[in-house]
Amino acid sequence: MSHIWMQHNEHKGKAEIPSDAADMWALKGWVPCDPPIEADPAMAEHQPRPVPEPAEPTDDTSTEEY
């Protein structure tokens, strides 16, 4: 049996409903929606580091040999 995700128009609750019963739930204010985004517990407290500005290009045209 397949399922679809539905969301209630009034309270915005989401539920996975058997597709055979979707018409019945639609009469009660439920509409098809995308599944909820699953949170990754490993990333819950992750704070991305700011990306540093690129360094200014240097004019290194010297031909000195070491």
Protein backbone atom coordinates (compact mmCIF):
# COMPACT_ATOMS: atom_id res chain seq x y z
CA MET A 1 0.00 0.00 0.00
CA SER A 2 1.39 3.39 -0.94
CA HIS A 3 1.22 6.50 1.21
CA ILE A 4 1.20 10.22 0.49
CA TRP A 5 2.04 13.18 2.71
CA MET A 6 -0.82 15.56 3.46
CA GLN A 7 -1.02 18.83 5.38
CA HIS A 8 -4.05 20.34 7.08
CA ASN A 9 -4.98 23.78 5.76
CA GLU A 10 -5.92 25.21 9.15
CA HIS A 11 -3.32 23.96 11.64
CA LYS A 12 -0.55 23.02 9.14
CA GLY A 13 -0.04 19.58 10.71
CA LYS A 14 1.49 16.96 8.39
CA ALA A 15 0.76 13.24 8.23
CA GLU A 16 1.58 10.29 6.00
CA ILE A 17 -1.77 8.92 4.84
CA PRO A 18 -2.59 5.78 2.87
CA SER A 19 -3.26 6.92 -0.69
CA ASP A 20 -6.57 5.01 -0.72
CA ALA A 21 -7.85 7.26 2.10
CA ALA A 22 -6.59 10.58 0.68
CA ASP A 23 -9.99 11.56 -0.73
CA MET A 24 -11.64 11.10 2.68
CA TRP A 25 -8.96 13.24 4.39
CA ALA A 26 -9.25 15.90 1.67
CA LEU A 27 -12.89 16.39 2.70
CA LYS A 28 -11.62 17.22 6.20
CA GLY A 29 -9.26 19.98 5.00
CA TRP A 30 -6.11 17.97 4.21
CA VAL A 31 -4.16 18.64 1.00
CA PRO A 32 -1.16 16.82 -0.55
CA CYS A 33 2.22 18.28 0.41
CA ASP A 34 5.95 17.53 0.41
CA PRO A 35 7.31 15.28 3.17
CA PRO A 36 8.81 17.09 6.16
CA ILE A 37 12.54 17.80 6.10
CA GLU A 38 14.36 15.41 8.39
CA ALA A 39 16.78 17.04 10.79
CA ASP A 40 20.30 15.63 10.96
CA PRO A 41 21.22 15.41 14.67
CA ALA A 42 24.92 15.51 13.78
CA MET A 43 24.40 18.94 12.23
CA ALA A 44 21.98 20.35 14.85
CA GLU A 45 24.53 22.70 16.41
CA HIS A 46 26.66 23.23 13.32
CA GLN A 47 27.61 26.84 12.70
CA PRO A 48 29.13 27.32 9.25
CA ARG A 49 32.41 29.21 9.19
CA PRO A 50 32.42 32.44 7.23
CA VAL A 51 34.12 32.20 3.87
CA PRO A 52 37.20 34.44 3.85
CA GLU A 53 37.62 37.03 1.16
CA PRO A 54 40.06 35.95 -1.57
CA ALA A 55 43.58 37.29 -1.15
CA GLU A 56 44.68 40.11 -3.39
CA PRO A 57 46.82 38.83 -6.25
CA THR A 58 50.48 39.66 -5.91
CA ASP A 59 52.70 40.77 -8.75
CA ASP A 60 55.45 38.18 -8.39
CA THR A 61 57.31 38.72 -11.64
CA SER A 62 60.79 38.53 -10.15
CA THR A 63 63.21 36.27 -11.97
CA GLU A 64 65.63 35.77 -9.13
CA GLU A 65 66.96 32.30 -8.75
CA TYR A 66 67.89 30.94 -5.36
